[in-house]
């Protein structure tokens, strides 16, 4: 089963430590296990653009629509046997400590 893992900031997470940010180790492990499909970091929310259509009118706004202290910093697509494996993989990601990770099963159209 494929899972989208949103990598998000969290003001209640542990303080960031470059020494403890072992993302390269996590990336190597998930690649070797064959569970990592795709992923990347995202530009900051200041670079976001919100697109809406209301009453037939296109509305384009700089930045996110809502104000929040948390924001999505990146994503990963994982191919795991089940939710338990996805949780185990996510628990080893550095942002499990410094931020938060949200796992969602991908819901194919077919």
C-alpha atoms as a PDB file:
ATOM      1  CA  UNK A   1       0.000   0.000   0.000  1.00  0.00           C
ATOM      2  CA  UNK A   2       1.235   3.486  -0.809  1.00  0.00           C
ATOM      3  CA  UNK A   3       1.255   6.230   1.796  1.00  0.00           C
ATOM      4  CA  UNK A   4       1.782   9.968   1.455  1.00  0.00           C
ATOM      5  CA  UNK A   5       3.836  11.182   4.377  1.00  0.00           C
ATOM      6  CA  UNK A   6       3.557  14.913   4.967  1.00  0.00           C
ATOM      7  CA  UNK A   7       6.599  16.307   6.764  1.00  0.00           C
ATOM      8  CA  UNK A   8       5.506  19.287   8.863  1.00  0.00           C
ATOM      9  CA  UNK A   9       6.928  21.686  11.391  1.00  0.00           C
ATOM     10  CA  UNK A  10       5.586  21.594  14.920  1.00  0.00           C
ATOM     11  CA  UNK A  11       6.289  24.246  17.574  1.00  0.00           C
ATOM     12  CA  UNK A  12       5.951  21.542  20.245  1.00  0.00           C
ATOM     13  CA  UNK A  13       8.684  19.345  18.702  1.00  0.00           C
ATOM     14  CA  UNK A  14      12.176  18.972  20.091  1.00  0.00           C
ATOM     15  CA  UNK A  15      14.478  21.910  19.342  1.00  0.00           C
ATOM     16  CA  UNK A  16      16.219  21.398  16.004  1.00  0.00           C
ATOM     17  CA  UNK A  17      19.742  20.014  16.174  1.00  0.00           C
ATOM     18  CA  UNK A  18      21.814  19.712  12.987  1.00  0.00           C
ATOM     19  CA  UNK A  19      23.848  16.993  14.703  1.00  0.00           C
ATOM     20  CA  UNK A  20      20.713  14.901  15.331  1.00  0.00           C
ATOM     21  CA  UNK A  21      19.230  15.553  11.878  1.00  0.00           C
ATOM     22  CA  UNK A  22      20.276  12.263  10.320  1.00  0.00           C
ATOM     23  CA  UNK A  23      18.069  12.521   7.222  1.00  0.00           C
ATOM     24  CA  UNK A  24      20.799  10.957   5.062  1.00  0.00           C
ATOM     25  CA  UNK A  25      20.745   7.832   7.239  1.00  0.00           C
ATOM     26  CA  UNK A  26      16.942   7.643   7.018  1.00  0.00           C
ATOM     27  CA  UNK A  27      17.053   8.129   3.249  1.00  0.00           C
ATOM     28  CA  UNK A  28      19.651   5.393   2.809  1.00  0.00           C
ATOM     29  CA  UNK A  29      17.640   2.945   4.923  1.00  0.00           C
ATOM     30  CA  UNK A  30      14.310   3.506   3.150  1.00  0.00           C
ATOM     31  CA  UNK A  31      15.997   3.260  -0.267  1.00  0.00           C
ATOM     32  CA  UNK A  32      17.734   0.006   0.691  1.00  0.00           C
ATOM     33  CA  UNK A  33      14.436  -1.412   2.005  1.00  0.00           C
ATOM     34  CA  UNK A  34      12.691  -0.410  -1.219  1.00  0.00           C
ATOM     35  CA  UNK A  35       9.875   1.476   0.550  1.00  0.00           C
ATOM     36  CA  UNK A  36      10.728   4.998  -0.671  1.00  0.00           C
ATOM     37  CA  UNK A  37       9.033   5.987  -3.952  1.00  0.00           C
ATOM     38  CA  UNK A  38       9.505   9.774  -4.090  1.00  0.00           C
ATOM     39  CA  UNK A  39       9.932  12.785  -1.852  1.00  0.00           C
ATOM     40  CA  UNK A  40      11.410  16.220  -1.497  1.00  0.00           C
ATOM     41  CA  UNK A  41      11.437  19.300   0.675  1.00  0.00           C
ATOM     42  CA  UNK A  42       9.195  22.258  -0.136  1.00  0.00           C
ATOM     43  CA  UNK A  43       9.950  25.976  -0.312  1.00  0.00           C
ATOM     44  CA  UNK A  44       8.739  28.022   2.717  1.00  0.00           C
ATOM     45  CA  UNK A  45       5.106  29.121   3.020  1.00  0.00           C
ATOM     46  CA  UNK A  46       6.106  32.632   1.929  1.00  0.00           C
ATOM     47  CA  UNK A  47       6.641  31.160  -1.561  1.00  0.00           C
ATOM     48  CA  UNK A  48       3.223  29.463  -1.662  1.00  0.00           C
ATOM     49  CA  UNK A  49       0.355  30.473  -3.934  1.00  0.00           C
ATOM     50  CA  UNK A  50      -3.271  29.688  -3.074  1.00  0.00           C
ATOM     51  CA  UNK A  51      -5.679  29.133  -5.975  1.00  0.00           C
ATOM     52  CA  UNK A  52      -9.482  29.172  -5.567  1.00  0.00           C
ATOM     53  CA  UNK A  53     -12.493  29.654  -7.794  1.00  0.00           C
ATOM     54  CA  UNK A  54     -15.514  31.301  -6.148  1.00  0.00           C
ATOM     55  CA  UNK A  55     -18.679  32.234  -8.033  1.00  0.00           C
ATOM     56  CA  UNK A  56     -16.811  31.602 -11.280  1.00  0.00           C
ATOM     57  CA  UNK A  57     -14.017  34.037 -10.378  1.00  0.00           C
ATOM     58  CA  UNK A  58     -10.388  32.936 -10.162  1.00  0.00           C
ATOM     59  CA  UNK A  59      -8.784  34.078  -6.907  1.00  0.00           C
ATOM     60  CA  UNK A  60      -5.001  33.834  -6.603  1.00  0.00           C
ATOM     61  CA  UNK A  61      -3.364  34.768  -3.312  1.00  0.00           C
ATOM     62  CA  UNK A  62       0.290  34.869  -2.301  1.00  0.00           C
ATOM     63  CA  UNK A  63       1.078  32.582   0.605  1.00  0.00           C
ATOM     64  CA  UNK A  64      -1.177  30.114   2.408  1.00  0.00           C
ATOM     65  CA  UNK A  65      -4.859  30.816   2.883  1.00  0.00           C
ATOM     66  CA  UNK A  66      -4.748  30.226   6.634  1.00  0.00           C
ATOM     67  CA  UNK A  67      -2.357  31.504   9.269  1.00  0.00           C
ATOM     68  CA  UNK A  68      -0.583  28.722  11.112  1.00  0.00           C
ATOM     69  CA  UNK A  69       2.529  28.127  13.182  1.00  0.00           C
ATOM     70  CA  UNK A  70       2.832  24.726  11.500  1.00  0.00           C
ATOM     71  CA  UNK A  71       3.512  24.234   7.813  1.00  0.00           C
ATOM     72  CA  UNK A  72       4.265  21.387   5.453  1.00  0.00           C
ATOM     73  CA  UNK A  73       8.020  21.322   4.865  1.00  0.00           C
ATOM     74  CA  UNK A  74       8.179  18.309   2.561  1.00  0.00           C
ATOM     75  CA  UNK A  75       6.688  15.006   1.573  1.00  0.00           C
ATOM     76  CA  UNK A  76       7.570  11.389   0.921  1.00  0.00           C
ATOM     77  CA  UNK A  77       5.649   8.659  -0.877  1.00  0.00           C
ATOM     78  CA  UNK A  78       6.183   5.281   0.770  1.00  0.00           C
ATOM     79  CA  UNK A  79       5.289   1.784  -0.431  1.00  0.00           C
ATOM     80  CA  UNK A  80       4.721  -0.277   2.707  1.00  0.00           C
ATOM     81  CA  UNK A  81       3.088  -3.605   3.450  1.00  0.00           C
ATOM     82  CA  UNK A  82       0.655  -1.969   5.880  1.00  0.00           C
ATOM     83  CA  UNK A  83       0.134   0.956   8.248  1.00  0.00           C
ATOM     84  CA  UNK A  84       2.329  -0.651  10.917  1.00  0.00           C
ATOM     85  CA  UNK A  85       5.314  -0.652   8.567  1.00  0.00           C
ATOM     86  CA  UNK A  86       4.582   2.938   7.467  1.00  0.00           C
ATOM     87  CA  UNK A  87       4.515   4.023  11.135  1.00  0.00           C
ATOM     88  CA  UNK A  88       7.796   2.219  11.807  1.00  0.00           C
ATOM     89  CA  UNK A  89       9.434   3.907   8.790  1.00  0.00           C
ATOM     90  CA  UNK A  90       8.061   7.334   9.775  1.00  0.00           C
ATOM     91  CA  UNK A  91       9.219   6.949  13.378  1.00  0.00           C
ATOM     92  CA  UNK A  92      12.839   6.897  12.210  1.00  0.00           C
ATOM     93  CA  UNK A  93      12.559  10.151  10.209  1.00  0.00           C
ATOM     94  CA  UNK A  94      14.278  13.069  12.014  1.00  0.00           C
ATOM     95  CA  UNK A  95      11.135  15.204  11.764  1.00  0.00           C
ATOM     96  CA  UNK A  96       9.321  12.689  13.964  1.00  0.00           C
ATOM     97  CA  UNK A  97      11.289  14.428  16.753  1.00  0.00           C
ATOM     98  CA  UNK A  98      11.695  17.976  15.429  1.00  0.00           C
ATOM     99  CA  UNK A  99       8.266  18.305  13.803  1.00  0.00           C
ATOM    100  CA  UNK A 100       5.489  15.904  12.950  1.00  0.00           C
ATOM    101  CA  UNK A 101       4.690  13.415  10.225  1.00  0.00           C
ATOM    102  CA  UNK A 102       1.234  12.719   8.862  1.00  0.00           C
ATOM    103  CA  UNK A 103       0.637   9.439   7.055  1.00  0.00           C
ATOM    104  CA  UNK A 104      -2.282   9.080   4.648  1.00  0.00           C
ATOM    105  CA  UNK A 105      -3.067   6.057   2.497  1.00  0.00           C
ATOM    106  CA  UNK A 106      -3.122   6.990  -1.179  1.00  0.00           C
ATOM    107  CA  UNK A 107      -6.597   6.452  -2.579  1.00  0.00           C
ATOM    108  CA  UNK A 108      -6.242   5.505  -6.253  1.00  0.00           C
ATOM    109  CA  UNK A 109      -8.940   6.543  -8.711  1.00  0.00           C
ATOM    110  CA  UNK A 110      -9.227   3.044 -10.214  1.00  0.00           C
END
